[in-house]
């Protein structure tokens, strides 16, 4: 009894890697055309005095604990005409405002006990589209930033 071995044909294109980025020459037209839109941040009439990365917390009186408000860029902005200074902080990825209030002469900023990279202050904040008195804590990456 003779056993017949299967014939294996060797093709060169079987060993070639698949080209994922191969240009087929196909042209795809966009379904919807988007017009460029001018975006206003509300910071156009202000100059940045300070611009640092940080993490912001607010004190929750009900839960008696600190809650993270956001991580991103905090700016002190001085209005070109009025000279008023306000603190604005936006979250890094979403650019959502997590702090927005004026810096007043009556405000006191204190170093957070136990953490020399953090500061505390009270402010009437408007980040959630309503004016609320908040206790804030901001933590910077280094002591030099503070």
Protein backbone atom coordinates (compact mmCIF):
# COMPACT_ATOMS: atom_id res chain seq x y z
CA UNK A 1 0.00 0.00 0.00
CA UNK A 2 1.48 3.21 -1.09
CA UNK A 3 0.75 6.28 0.93
CA UNK A 4 0.33 9.42 -1.01
CA UNK A 5 1.84 12.51 0.52
CA UNK A 6 -0.09 15.72 0.00
CA UNK A 7 1.40 18.08 -2.47
CA UNK A 8 2.44 21.33 -0.84
CA UNK A 9 2.87 24.16 -3.20
CA UNK A 10 4.97 27.02 -1.98
CA UNK A 11 3.84 30.45 -3.05
CA UNK A 12 6.01 33.50 -2.57
CA UNK A 13 3.08 35.82 -1.79
CA UNK A 14 2.03 33.66 1.21
CA UNK A 15 5.14 34.72 3.13
CA UNK A 16 4.87 38.41 2.22
CA UNK A 17 3.55 40.61 5.05
CA UNK A 18 0.20 42.25 4.46
CA UNK A 19 0.48 45.93 3.60
CA UNK A 20 -2.02 47.73 5.83
CA UNK A 21 -1.13 51.20 4.60
CA UNK A 22 -1.25 50.37 0.93
CA UNK A 23 -2.55 53.26 -1.14
CA UNK A 24 -5.42 52.08 -3.27
CA UNK A 25 -5.88 55.43 -4.98
CA UNK A 26 -9.51 55.65 -3.84
CA UNK A 27 -10.83 59.14 -3.16
CA UNK A 28 -13.46 59.66 -0.47
CA UNK A 29 -15.43 62.91 -0.46
CA UNK A 30 -16.67 64.28 2.89
CA UNK A 31 -20.37 63.86 3.53
CA UNK A 32 -20.71 67.13 5.46
CA UNK A 33 -18.65 70.28 5.04
CA UNK A 34 -17.85 72.06 8.28
CA UNK A 35 -17.27 75.79 8.32
CA UNK A 36 -14.54 77.22 10.51
CA UNK A 37 -16.00 78.81 13.62
CA UNK A 38 -14.38 81.56 15.69
CA UNK A 39 -14.18 80.38 19.30
CA UNK A 40 -14.18 82.94 22.08
CA UNK A 41 -12.83 81.98 25.50
CA UNK A 42 -13.74 85.18 27.31
CA UNK A 43 -10.02 85.77 27.89
CA UNK A 44 -9.46 87.98 24.83
CA UNK A 45 -9.46 91.26 26.81
CA UNK A 46 -7.11 89.91 29.48
CA UNK A 47 -3.38 89.31 29.89
CA UNK A 48 -2.09 86.17 31.62
CA UNK A 49 -0.05 86.96 34.72
CA UNK A 50 0.32 83.32 35.77
CA UNK A 51 -0.12 80.09 33.79
CA UNK A 52 0.68 76.83 35.64
CA UNK A 53 -0.39 73.20 35.71
CA UNK A 54 -2.07 72.21 38.96
CA UNK A 55 -4.81 70.21 40.64
CA UNK A 56 -7.78 71.96 42.26
CA UNK A 57 -9.88 70.71 45.18
CA UNK A 58 -12.94 72.15 46.91
CA UNK A 59 -14.08 71.39 50.42
CA UNK A 60 -17.42 69.58 50.63
CA UNK A 61 -19.08 70.76 53.84
CA UNK A 62 -21.76 68.05 53.74
CA UNK A 63 -19.29 65.17 53.42
CA UNK A 64 -16.60 66.97 55.47
CA UNK A 65 -13.94 66.06 52.88
CA UNK A 66 -11.91 67.48 49.99
CA UNK A 67 -13.22 66.71 46.49
CA UNK A 68 -11.20 67.06 43.33
CA UNK A 69 -12.54 69.83 41.10
CA UNK A 70 -10.13 69.24 38.22
CA UNK A 71 -6.57 68.95 36.98
CA UNK A 72 -5.32 71.36 34.37
CA UNK A 73 -4.03 74.87 33.82
CA UNK A 74 -4.69 77.65 36.32
CA UNK A 75 -4.36 81.23 35.09
CA UNK A 76 -4.39 84.60 36.76
CA UNK A 77 -5.79 87.00 34.16
CA UNK A 78 -5.60 90.79 34.40
CA UNK A 79 -8.20 92.78 32.45
CA UNK A 80 -6.56 95.28 30.08
CA UNK A 81 -9.00 98.13 30.82
CA UNK A 82 -10.28 97.66 34.37
CA UNK A 83 -7.14 96.09 35.88
CA UNK A 84 -9.24 93.48 37.75
CA UNK A 85 -7.57 90.09 38.21
CA UNK A 86 -9.45 86.83 38.08
CA UNK A 87 -8.49 83.19 38.55
CA UNK A 88 -9.58 80.81 35.80
CA UNK A 89 -8.81 77.11 35.75
CA UNK A 90 -9.69 74.72 32.93
CA UNK A 91 -9.46 70.93 32.95
CA UNK A 92 -6.69 69.60 30.70
CA UNK A 93 -8.56 67.42 28.22
CA UNK A 94 -12.07 68.88 28.16
CA UNK A 95 -11.15 72.55 28.80
CA UNK A 96 -14.18 72.71 31.11
CA UNK A 97 -13.97 75.57 33.58
CA UNK A 98 -13.44 74.30 37.12
CA UNK A 99 -12.73 77.68 38.78
CA UNK A 100 -13.69 81.23 37.78
CA UNK A 101 -13.59 84.06 40.29
CA UNK A 102 -12.07 87.48 40.90
CA UNK A 103 -9.01 87.84 43.09
CA UNK A 104 -9.90 90.46 45.69
CA UNK A 105 -7.71 92.43 48.09
CA UNK A 106 -9.73 91.01 50.99
CA UNK A 107 -8.80 87.39 50.10
CA UNK A 108 -6.15 85.58 52.10
CA UNK A 109 -4.14 82.70 50.67
CA UNK A 110 -2.63 80.30 53.19
CA UNK A 111 -0.21 77.41 52.89
CA UNK A 112 -1.96 74.08 53.44
CA UNK A 113 -0.82 72.50 56.71
CA UNK A 114 1.32 69.46 56.02
CA UNK A 115 1.80 70.10 52.29
CA UNK A 116 4.12 72.89 51.18
CA UNK A 117 3.02 72.53 47.51
CA UNK A 118 -0.59 73.49 48.33
CA UNK A 119 -2.50 76.70 49.10
CA UNK A 120 -5.96 77.39 50.57
CA UNK A 121 -8.37 80.29 50.04
CA UNK A 122 -12.08 81.22 50.16
CA UNK A 123 -13.81 82.67 47.09
CA UNK A 124 -17.24 83.27 45.59
CA UNK A 125 -16.91 81.08 42.52
CA UNK A 126 -18.98 81.04 39.33
CA UNK A 127 -17.63 77.86 37.63
CA UNK A 128 -20.95 75.98 37.91
CA UNK A 129 -22.96 78.91 36.46
CA UNK A 130 -24.11 79.97 39.92
CA UNK A 131 -22.32 82.04 42.52
CA UNK A 132 -21.24 79.86 45.46
CA UNK A 133 -18.89 80.51 48.37
CA UNK A 134 -16.21 77.80 48.21
CA UNK A 135 -13.09 76.81 50.10
CA UNK A 136 -10.42 75.89 47.56
CA UNK A 137 -7.13 74.06 47.76
CA UNK A 138 -4.71 74.06 44.85
CA UNK A 139 -1.73 71.72 44.57
CA UNK A 140 1.21 72.50 42.30
CA UNK A 141 3.81 70.11 40.92
CA UNK A 142 6.65 71.76 42.85
CA UNK A 143 7.26 74.28 45.61
CA UNK A 144 8.84 76.67 43.08
CA UNK A 145 5.50 76.87 41.20
CA UNK A 146 3.73 78.07 44.32
